[in-house]
Amino acid sequence: MQKARTLGDLRRSGYRIRTVREEMRANLLTLLGAGERMLPGIIGFDHTVIPELENAILAGHHIVLLGERGQAKSRILRGLMSLLDAEVPAIRDCPLNDNPEAPICKACRTRAAAEGDNLEIEWIGRNRRYGEKLATPDVSMADLVGEVDPIKVAEGRYLEDEDTIHFGLIPRTNRGIFAINELPDLTEKVQVGLFNLMEEKDVQIKGYKIQLPIDFVLVASANPEDYTSRGRIITPLKDRFDVQIRTHYPQRIEDEIAIMEQELPTLDRFDRPVHMPDFLKEILAQLTFEARAAAEINQSSGVSVRASINNYESVLSNAEKRSVRTRDNEIVPRLSDLHAVHASMSGKIEIEYAAEEASSSEIVDRLLDRAVLAVFDRRLKVDDLSPVVQYFEAGWGVEVGDLMPSEEYLDGVRQIPGLREAIHNLGPIESPGFIAAASEFVFEGLHLHEKLNRNRDGGRARFGM
């Protein structure tokens, strides 16, 4: 079907222009009716955040998301763009995406009156109707709403003429969604201008008052500490947001792992397949869970999901280096690769004042020990490993390291009673890389249960009695 090119074509086609809220509501109801998810890339919010978002959209609400860093707030805000229609008609060349049937800017009202059904229209996509701004103290009303353009004044227009205004980001997102990240970082003056625009639809620019009945949905994100406790958000603006929805970190290890795997970039591994053992994925996810519960870490700042993602990438990179240097034909991370998380984890945590006598490296080591022990206890039983312990009690020892070829672990598996059985309990993969990874996991778990001694130096460790 040929798209309408003029207002007359649009009217004859029977097309009905809807408000933003009507669009989002109708498209959400269509998704729900088809049994589809509203935000398919968002994991772990199916029974908490998503239902509240659905209610807010169906009710046509302005929304603020409250949560610590790394809780997918920005991704949710951007994902709401998918609820807009793929294309809608607008007056051609209008900076405000004006509705052809009800223009709000002076220039388009003049054109509509003069041209009637011959008024030219264009079809604009979702990207034109989504705007986003990271709030900082230097963001001004000129940025968000507009400012008098001195060039237009110099050309002879009067200061009080609406045509002298250069419109800001929000008017240019008319008939769409505008998102503000870290809302409390806006100055009070800008916050006042926002709630005035949300409620009264009038704006004062350089003393000139204009009516801007903008059709938009405002969504925002904020840290709950800034939004509720420190008084950095003015009460009238809080009142203009119809709902505030609390986000959270993944509540299940499985969700944390799913996010890690989803966000892992696709890279050329030069024909070396990657096999990340399940227990190692679990350790990396558990490490983040331990950090979020640790007294040594400032929990008001949070521990982002990005910590899990970056740790996963760091460990995988360390394993990839080994496979290249030792000419292994697969990439299988081991516990001896976990030292690589120090660089990626240290920048993701803020140490509490009372714990500052300990370095970030020492704290990460403690968290790693807790994570490995927790996963070990979920997967293996110490009593079942008594033949392995007896082998070491007889005076034997083993050395492992992140630079050792996987093949060198095979002799140990043959010689140490009970080790092969433990490896079989950890997974079905019979590759040398998995055997090396599982062996290190068994040794480390026994050490943390004080059954073995360990001397560690970077990515190398020696286990014995």
Protein backbone atom coordinates (compact mmCIF):
# COMPACT_ATOMS: atom_id res chain seq x y z
CA MET A 1 0.00 0.00 0.00
CA GLN A 2 1.44 3.36 -1.06
CA LYS A 3 2.15 5.73 1.81
CA ALA A 4 0.26 8.98 2.00
CA ARG A 5 2.31 11.99 0.92
CA THR A 6 -0.11 14.79 1.77
CA LEU A 7 -2.61 15.49 4.50
CA GLY A 8 -5.40 14.89 1.99
CA ASP A 9 -4.00 11.44 1.10
CA LEU A 10 -3.79 10.63 4.80
CA ARG A 11 -7.40 11.59 5.45
CA ARG A 12 -8.67 9.62 2.46
CA SER A 13 -6.75 6.54 3.60
CA GLY A 14 -8.69 6.47 6.87
CA TYR A 15 -5.47 6.41 8.92
CA ARG A 16 -6.02 7.47 12.54
CA ILE A 17 -3.19 9.26 14.30
CA ARG A 18 -2.82 8.12 17.91
CA THR A 19 -1.13 9.74 20.89
CA VAL A 20 2.08 8.23 22.21
CA ARG A 21 0.29 6.69 25.15
CA GLU A 22 -2.32 5.15 22.85
CA GLU A 23 0.40 3.71 20.63
CA MET A 24 2.36 2.17 23.50
CA ARG A 25 -0.77 0.82 25.13
CA ALA A 26 -2.11 -0.75 21.92
CA ASN A 27 1.23 -2.29 20.95
CA LEU A 28 1.74 -3.71 24.44
CA LEU A 29 -1.73 -5.26 24.43
CA THR A 30 -0.92 -6.84 21.07
CA LEU A 31 2.27 -8.37 22.51
CA LEU A 32 0.46 -9.66 25.59
CA GLY A 33 -2.28 -11.13 23.46
CA ALA A 34 0.29 -12.98 21.36
CA GLY A 35 2.06 -14.30 24.45
CA GLU A 36 5.26 -12.39 23.64
CA ARG A 37 7.58 -10.63 26.09
CA MET A 38 7.74 -6.86 26.17
CA LEU A 39 11.52 -6.64 26.72
CA PRO A 40 12.98 -9.95 25.53
CA GLY A 41 16.61 -9.02 26.27
CA ILE A 42 15.96 -8.20 29.94
CA ILE A 43 16.65 -11.15 32.27
CA GLY A 44 15.51 -11.68 35.85
CA PHE A 45 12.65 -9.15 36.01
CA ASP A 46 9.76 -11.30 34.75
CA HIS A 47 7.98 -11.39 38.10
CA THR A 48 9.06 -8.03 39.54
CA VAL A 49 9.93 -5.08 37.31
CA ILE A 50 8.26 -6.12 34.04
CA PRO A 51 4.71 -6.47 35.47
CA GLU A 52 4.98 -3.01 37.03
CA LEU A 53 6.24 -1.55 33.76
CA GLU A 54 3.32 -3.15 31.90
CA ASN A 55 0.87 -1.58 34.35
CA ALA A 56 2.49 1.83 33.95
CA ILE A 57 2.38 1.69 30.16
CA LEU A 58 -1.22 0.55 30.07
CA ALA A 59 -2.10 3.43 32.39
CA GLY A 60 -0.11 5.98 30.34
CA HIS A 61 2.23 6.94 33.14
CA HIS A 62 5.48 8.87 33.29
CA ILE A 63 8.00 6.43 34.82
CA VAL A 64 11.12 6.66 36.97
CA LEU A 65 13.29 3.58 37.52
CA LEU A 66 15.16 3.45 40.83
CA GLY A 67 18.15 1.19 41.15
CA GLU A 68 21.88 0.92 41.73
CA ARG A 69 24.32 0.85 38.86
CA GLY A 70 24.29 -2.09 36.49
CA GLN A 71 20.62 -3.04 36.90
CA ALA A 72 19.67 -2.61 33.21
CA LYS A 73 17.84 0.69 33.79
CA SER A 74 19.16 2.34 30.62
CA ARG A 75 18.50 -0.79 28.59
CA ILE A 76 14.90 -0.87 29.82
CA LEU A 77 14.39 2.79 28.92
CA ARG A 78 15.73 2.25 25.42
CA GLY A 79 13.72 -0.95 25.06
CA LEU A 80 10.48 0.98 25.54
CA MET A 81 11.10 2.47 22.09
CA SER A 82 9.96 -0.87 20.62
CA LEU A 83 6.42 -0.11 21.82
CA LEU A 84 6.15 2.85 19.44
CA ASP A 85 4.68 2.31 15.98
CA ALA A 86 7.30 1.52 13.36
CA GLU A 87 6.38 4.69 11.43
CA VAL A 88 3.98 7.58 11.91
CA PRO A 89 3.09 10.55 9.68
CA ALA A 90 4.48 13.99 10.50
CA ILE A 91 4.59 17.35 8.74
CA ARG A 92 7.57 17.31 6.41
CA ASP A 93 10.68 19.14 7.69
CA CYS A 94 9.10 20.01 11.04
CA PRO A 95 11.67 19.90 13.88
CA LEU A 96 8.90 18.94 16.34
CA ASN A 97 7.55 15.93 14.41
CA ASP A 98 4.22 17.76 14.29
CA ASN A 99 0.96 15.88 13.95
CA PRO A 100 -0.41 16.87 10.50
CA GLU A 101 -3.91 17.10 11.91
CA ALA A 102 -3.00 19.13 15.01
CA PRO A 103 0.32 21.02 14.63
CA ILE A 104 1.67 22.78 17.72
CA CYS A 105 4.48 24.96 16.35
CA LYS A 106 3.71 28.34 14.80
CA ALA A 107 5.40 27.62 11.47
CA CYS A 108 3.43 24.39 10.93
CA ARG A 109 0.13 26.00 11.97
CA THR A 110 0.76 28.67 9.35
CA ARG A 111 1.62 26.07 6.69
CA ALA A 112 -1.42 23.93 7.54
CA ALA A 113 -3.76 26.92 7.25
CA ALA A 114 -2.29 27.95 3.90
CA GLU A 115 -1.89 24.53 2.25
CA GLY A 116 -4.84 22.57 3.64
CA ASP A 117 -5.02 19.03 2.20
CA ASN A 118 -1.90 19.72 0.11
CA LEU A 119 0.24 19.92 3.26
CA GLU A 120 3.20 17.61 2.68
CA ILE A 121 3.86 14.84 5.19
CA GLU A 122 6.66 12.36 5.80
CA TRP A 123 6.80 9.06 7.67
CA ILE A 124 9.22 9.02 10.60
CA GLY A 125 10.62 5.97 12.38
CA ARG A 126 11.03 5.14 16.04
CA ASN A 127 14.55 6.55 16.27
CA ARG A 128 13.29 10.04 15.43
CA ARG A 129 10.84 9.80 18.30
CA TYR A 130 13.17 8.64 21.06
CA GLY A 131 15.46 11.04 22.87
CA GLU A 132 17.89 10.49 25.72
CA LYS A 133 20.04 12.69 27.92
CA LEU A 134 22.48 11.86 30.69
CA ALA A 135 21.76 14.34 33.46
CA THR A 136 24.72 16.39 34.65
CA PRO A 137 24.82 19.67 36.61
CA ASP A 138 25.69 21.61 33.44
CA VAL A 139 22.56 20.52 31.56
CA SER A 140 20.45 23.63 30.99
CA MET A 141 16.89 24.48 30.04
CA ALA A 142 18.30 25.50 26.67
CA ASP A 143 19.50 21.92 26.17
CA LEU A 144 16.22 20.30 27.16
CA VAL A 145 13.57 22.82 26.10
CA GLY A 146 15.10 25.52 23.94
CA GLU A 147 16.68 28.93 23.68
CA VAL A 148 16.30 32.13 21.70
CA ASP A 149 18.46 31.88 18.58
CA PRO A 150 20.51 35.13 18.31
CA ILE A 151 21.03 34.57 14.58
CA LYS A 152 17.27 34.62 13.98
CA VAL A 153 16.99 37.79 16.07
CA ALA A 154 19.79 39.36 14.03
CA GLU A 155 17.86 38.52 10.89
CA GLY A 156 15.11 40.89 12.04
CA ARG A 157 12.64 38.73 13.95
CA TYR A 158 11.17 40.08 17.17
CA LEU A 159 12.36 38.59 20.44
CA GLU A 160 8.84 37.62 21.45
CA ASP A 161 8.27 35.82 18.15
CA GLU A 162 8.10 32.04 18.54
CA ASP A 163 10.05 31.69 15.30
CA THR A 164 13.17 32.94 17.10
CA ILE A 165 13.32 29.85 19.30
CA HIS A 166 15.73 27.01 18.71
CA PHE A 167 13.94 24.08 20.29
CA GLY A 168 15.74 21.68 22.65
CA LEU A 169 15.80 17.91 22.95
CA ILE A 170 12.38 17.37 24.52
CA PRO A 171 10.31 19.32 21.96
CA ARG A 172 12.25 17.56 19.22
CA THR A 173 11.06 14.27 20.73
CA ASN A 174 7.44 15.35 20.39
CA ARG A 175 5.15 12.35 19.82
CA GLY A 176 7.73 10.06 21.36
CA ILE A 177 9.62 8.99 24.48
CA PHE A 178 12.24 11.08 26.24
CA ALA A 179 14.60 9.43 28.74
CA ILE A 180 16.76 11.12 31.37
CA ASN A 181 19.47 9.05 33.02
CA GLU A 182 20.50 9.95 36.60
CA LEU A 183 17.66 12.43 37.03
CA PRO A 184 18.74 13.88 40.44
CA ASP A 185 21.92 15.27 38.88
CA LEU A 186 19.88 18.01 37.16
CA THR A 187 19.95 21.40 38.88
CA GLU A 188 16.81 22.54 40.72
CA LYS A 189 16.14 25.17 38.08
CA VAL A 190 16.03 22.55 35.33
CA GLN A 191 13.92 20.22 37.48
CA VAL A 192 11.36 23.01 37.94
CA GLY A 193 11.27 23.53 34.18
CA LEU A 194 10.67 19.81 33.67
CA PHE A 195 7.70 19.48 35.97
CA ASN A 196 6.20 22.63 34.50
CA LEU A 197 6.50 21.12 31.04
CA MET A 198 5.01 17.80 32.22
CA GLU A 199 2.01 19.41 33.88
CA GLU A 200 1.14 22.87 32.57
CA LYS A 201 2.69 22.44 29.10
CA ASP A 202 4.00 26.01 29.12
CA VAL A 203 7.59 27.12 28.89
CA GLN A 204 9.30 30.42 29.57
CA ILE A 205 12.34 31.18 27.45
CA LYS A 206 14.04 34.51 28.16
CA GLY A 207 10.81 35.80 29.65
CA TYR A 208 8.73 34.81 26.63
CA LYS A 209 5.97 32.38 27.56
CA ILE A 210 4.82 29.88 24.95
CA GLN A 211 2.44 26.94 25.04
CA LEU A 212 3.98 23.64 23.99
CA PRO A 213 1.33 20.91 24.31
CA ILE A 214 3.96 18.26 23.59
CA ASP A 215 2.79 14.68 23.31
CA PHE A 216 5.52 12.70 25.04
CA VAL A 217 6.16 10.16 27.77
CA LEU A 218 8.98 11.03 30.16
CA VAL A 219 10.96 8.14 31.59
CA ALA A 220 13.95 8.49 33.89
CA SER A 221 16.43 6.58 35.98
CA ALA A 222 17.95 7.40 39.36
CA ASN A 223 19.99 5.91 42.17
CA PRO A 224 17.56 5.41 45.08
CA GLU A 225 19.96 7.00 47.55
CA ASP A 226 20.03 10.23 45.52
CA TYR A 227 16.31 10.12 44.77
CA THR A 228 14.96 9.50 48.26
CA SER A 229 17.50 10.32 50.94
CA ARG A 230 19.73 13.23 50.01
CA GLY A 231 17.09 15.66 48.85
CA ARG A 232 18.60 16.00 45.37
CA ILE A 233 15.23 15.70 43.69
CA ILE A 234 12.60 18.37 44.26
CA THR A 235 9.26 17.18 45.61
CA PRO A 236 7.04 18.68 42.86
CA LEU A 237 8.99 16.79 40.19
CA LYS A 238 8.72 13.54 42.14
CA ASP A 239 4.97 14.13 42.28
CA ARG A 240 4.78 14.49 38.46
CA PHE A 241 6.17 10.99 37.93
CA ASP A 242 3.17 8.73 38.11
CA VAL A 243 5.10 5.62 39.19
CA GLN A 244 8.52 4.78 40.53
CA ILE A 245 9.65 1.23 39.88
CA ARG A 246 12.47 -0.39 41.85
CA THR A 247 14.93 -2.45 39.85
CA HIS A 248 17.27 -5.01 41.40
CA TYR A 249 20.18 -7.28 40.71
CA PRO A 250 19.55 -10.86 39.53
CA GLN A 251 18.09 -12.86 42.38
CA ARG A 252 19.19 -16.24 41.04
CA ILE A 253 22.61 -17.52 40.02
CA GLU A 254 21.03 -18.87 36.83
CA ASP A 255 19.91 -15.37 35.81
CA GLU A 256 23.37 -13.91 36.43
CA ILE A 257 24.89 -16.63 34.26
CA ALA A 258 22.30 -16.08 31.52
CA ILE A 259 23.19 -12.35 31.44
CA MET A 260 26.92 -13.12 31.28
CA GLU A 261 26.41 -15.45 28.33
CA GLN A 262 24.02 -13.09 26.57
CA GLU A 263 26.43 -10.17 26.78
CA LEU A 264 29.58 -12.07 25.78
CA PRO A 265 30.74 -10.57 22.47
CA THR A 266 31.20 -12.83 19.47
CA LEU A 267 34.92 -12.86 18.65
CA ASP A 268 37.04 -14.72 16.15
CA ARG A 269 38.74 -17.47 18.17
CA PHE A 270 40.64 -18.77 15.10
CA ASP A 271 38.94 -22.17 15.01
CA ARG A 272 39.48 -22.87 18.71
CA PRO A 273 36.12 -23.82 20.28
CA VAL A 274 35.30 -22.36 23.68
CA HIS A 275 34.13 -24.70 26.45
CA MET A 276 33.40 -22.79 29.64
CA PRO A 277 32.73 -25.38 32.39
CA ASP A 278 29.38 -24.90 34.11
CA PHE A 279 30.96 -24.88 37.55
CA LEU A 280 33.29 -22.04 36.48
CA LYS A 281 30.36 -19.98 35.18
CA GLU A 282 28.73 -20.59 38.53
CA ILE A 283 31.86 -19.45 40.39
CA LEU A 284 31.99 -16.18 38.43
CA ALA A 285 28.31 -15.50 39.11
CA GLN A 286 28.72 -16.47 42.77
CA LEU A 287 31.68 -14.08 43.05
CA THR A 288 29.38 -11.18 42.19
CA PHE A 289 26.73 -12.45 44.60
CA GLU A 290 29.36 -12.63 47.36
CA ALA A 291 30.44 -9.05 46.59
CA ARG A 292 26.84 -7.83 46.84
CA ALA A 293 26.58 -9.31 50.33
CA ALA A 294 30.08 -8.45 51.59
CA ALA A 295 30.46 -6.13 54.56
CA GLU A 296 33.77 -4.92 53.13
CA ILE A 297 32.03 -3.40 50.12
CA ASN A 298 29.83 -0.30 49.97
CA GLN A 299 26.43 -1.71 49.07
CA SER A 300 24.79 1.66 48.42
CA SER A 301 26.90 1.92 45.27
CA GLY A 302 26.04 -1.63 44.29
CA VAL A 303 28.02 -4.21 42.35
CA SER A 304 27.08 -4.05 38.71
CA VAL A 305 26.20 -7.02 36.51
CA ARG A 306 29.01 -5.65 34.39
CA ALA A 307 31.36 -7.11 37.02
CA SER A 308 30.19 -10.61 36.12
CA ILE A 309 30.38 -9.89 32.39
CA ASN A 310 33.87 -8.39 32.53
CA ASN A 311 35.15 -11.15 34.83
CA TYR A 312 33.82 -13.76 32.39
CA GLU A 313 35.64 -11.99 29.54
CA SER A 314 38.89 -11.69 31.53
CA VAL A 315 38.99 -15.36 32.50
CA LEU A 316 38.17 -16.41 28.96
CA SER A 317 40.93 -14.18 27.59
CA ASN A 318 43.49 -15.68 29.96
CA ALA A 319 42.46 -19.17 28.85
CA GLU A 320 42.68 -18.11 25.20
CA LYS A 321 46.27 -16.91 25.69
CA ARG A 322 47.18 -20.28 27.15
CA SER A 323 45.60 -22.20 24.30
CA VAL A 324 47.63 -20.18 21.80
CA ARG A 325 50.92 -20.53 23.69
CA THR A 326 50.54 -24.24 24.48
CA ARG A 327 48.90 -25.02 21.13
CA ASP A 328 45.81 -26.52 22.77
CA ASN A 329 43.05 -27.02 20.22
CA GLU A 330 40.32 -25.72 22.57
CA ILE A 331 39.80 -22.86 25.00
CA VAL A 332 38.76 -24.10 28.45
CA PRO A 333 39.12 -21.72 31.42
CA ARG A 334 40.33 -23.11 34.77
CA LEU A 335 40.51 -21.91 38.35
CA SER A 336 44.14 -20.94 37.75
CA ASP A 337 42.75 -18.33 35.33
CA LEU A 338 40.74 -16.65 38.08
CA HIS A 339 43.60 -14.34 38.99
CA ALA A 340 42.62 -12.44 35.83
CA VAL A 341 39.48 -11.13 37.55
CA HIS A 342 41.48 -8.84 39.84
CA ALA A 343 41.84 -6.24 37.10
CA SER A 344 38.21 -6.42 36.01
CA MET A 345 36.69 -6.71 39.51
CA SER A 346 38.66 -4.09 41.44
CA GLY A 347 37.16 -1.18 39.52
CA LYS A 348 33.62 -2.46 40.08
CA ILE A 349 33.65 -2.34 43.89
CA GLU A 350 33.94 0.46 46.44
CA ILE A 351 35.59 -0.61 49.67
CA GLU A 352 33.97 0.48 52.92
CA TYR A 353 35.98 2.90 55.08
CA ALA A 354 36.28 0.32 57.89
CA ALA A 355 37.82 -2.21 55.48
CA GLU A 356 40.29 0.14 53.82
CA GLU A 357 43.27 -1.43 55.60
CA ALA A 358 42.80 -4.35 53.20
CA SER A 359 43.70 -3.87 49.56
CA SER A 360 41.16 -4.45 46.83
CA SER A 361 43.23 -7.44 45.71
CA GLU A 362 42.98 -9.04 49.16
CA ILE A 363 39.23 -8.47 49.25
CA VAL A 364 38.78 -9.98 45.78
CA ASP A 365 40.79 -13.03 46.91
CA ARG A 366 38.50 -13.47 49.92
CA LEU A 367 35.43 -13.19 47.72
CA LEU A 368 36.87 -15.72 45.29
CA ASP A 369 37.50 -18.20 48.10
CA ARG A 370 33.91 -17.80 49.31
CA ALA A 371 32.56 -18.24 45.79
CA VAL A 372 34.62 -21.35 45.05
CA LEU A 373 33.68 -22.90 48.40
CA ALA A 374 29.97 -22.21 47.87
CA VAL A 375 29.96 -23.79 44.41
CA PHE A 376 32.11 -26.72 45.54
CA ASP A 377 29.67 -27.52 48.35
CA ARG A 378 26.74 -27.44 45.91
CA ARG A 379 28.41 -29.84 43.49
CA LEU A 380 30.65 -32.18 45.47
CA LYS A 381 30.92 -33.79 48.91
CA VAL A 382 34.20 -33.80 50.77
CA ASP A 383 33.55 -37.29 52.16
CA ASP A 384 33.34 -38.69 48.63
CA LEU A 385 36.83 -37.36 47.95
CA SER A 386 38.61 -39.23 50.76
CA PRO A 387 40.66 -41.34 48.24
CA VAL A 388 42.03 -38.10 46.76
CA VAL A 389 42.94 -36.78 50.22
CA GLN A 390 44.63 -40.09 51.13
CA TYR A 391 46.79 -39.82 48.03
CA PHE A 392 48.17 -36.49 49.26
CA GLU A 393 48.49 -37.77 52.83
CA ALA A 394 50.89 -40.36 51.45
CA GLY A 395 53.26 -37.52 50.65
CA TRP A 396 52.41 -36.80 47.05
CA GLY A 397 51.77 -33.34 45.61
CA VAL A 398 50.65 -31.73 42.38
CA GLU A 399 51.38 -28.47 40.65
CA VAL A 400 48.89 -26.64 38.44
CA GLY A 401 49.07 -23.38 36.54
CA ASP A 402 47.52 -21.18 33.91
CA LEU A 403 50.44 -21.83 31.53
CA MET A 404 50.42 -25.64 31.75
CA PRO A 405 49.12 -27.54 28.72
CA SER A 406 45.96 -29.50 29.40
CA GLU A 407 47.63 -32.78 28.44
CA GLU A 408 49.92 -32.55 31.47
CA TYR A 409 46.93 -32.99 33.77
CA LEU A 410 46.02 -36.39 32.37
CA ASP A 411 48.73 -38.30 34.23
CA GLY A 412 47.48 -36.91 37.52
CA VAL A 413 43.96 -38.12 36.79
CA ARG A 414 45.27 -41.62 36.16
CA GLN A 415 47.45 -41.68 39.28
CA ILE A 416 45.18 -40.05 41.89
CA PRO A 417 42.49 -42.46 43.14
CA GLY A 418 38.95 -41.08 43.08
CA LEU A 419 39.79 -38.02 40.95
CA ARG A 420 38.30 -39.36 37.72
CA GLU A 421 35.01 -40.14 39.48
CA ALA A 422 34.85 -36.61 40.87
CA ILE A 423 35.48 -35.16 37.40
CA HIS A 424 32.64 -37.25 35.96
CA ASN A 425 30.32 -35.75 38.59
CA LEU A 426 31.19 -32.25 37.35
CA GLY A 427 30.31 -32.70 33.69
CA PRO A 428 30.20 -34.98 30.71
CA ILE A 429 33.01 -33.37 28.71
CA GLU A 430 35.96 -35.76 28.33
CA SER A 431 38.33 -33.26 26.75
CA PRO A 432 41.78 -32.63 28.25
CA GLY A 433 40.81 -28.99 28.88
CA PHE A 434 37.78 -29.94 30.96
CA ILE A 435 39.76 -32.55 32.88
CA ALA A 436 42.37 -29.90 33.75
CA ALA A 437 39.68 -27.43 34.86
CA ALA A 438 37.78 -29.99 36.93
CA SER A 439 40.99 -31.25 38.58
CA GLU A 440 41.90 -27.75 39.73
CA PHE A 441 38.37 -27.27 41.07
CA VAL A 442 38.62 -30.45 43.16
CA PHE A 443 42.02 -29.49 44.56
CA GLU A 444 40.94 -25.94 45.38
CA GLY A 445 37.77 -27.12 47.10
CA LEU A 446 39.71 -29.55 49.26
CA HIS A 447 42.13 -26.78 50.17
CA LEU A 448 39.29 -24.47 51.22
CA HIS A 449 37.94 -27.32 53.38
CA GLU A 450 41.41 -27.49 54.96
CA LYS A 451 42.11 -30.94 53.58
CA LEU A 452 45.06 -29.80 51.44
CA ASN A 453 47.71 -27.12 51.70
CA ARG A 454 48.22 -24.70 48.85
CA ASN A 455 51.11 -22.47 47.86
CA ARG A 456 50.03 -20.00 45.21
CA ASP A 457 52.00 -17.61 43.04
CA GLY A 458 49.86 -15.72 40.52
CA GLY A 459 48.43 -18.28 38.14
CA ARG A 460 50.46 -21.18 39.58
CA ALA A 461 49.67 -23.28 42.65
CA ARG A 462 51.08 -26.35 44.38
CA PHE A 463 48.81 -28.60 46.45
CA GLY A 464 50.03 -31.05 49.08
CA MET A 465 50.06 -31.83 52.78
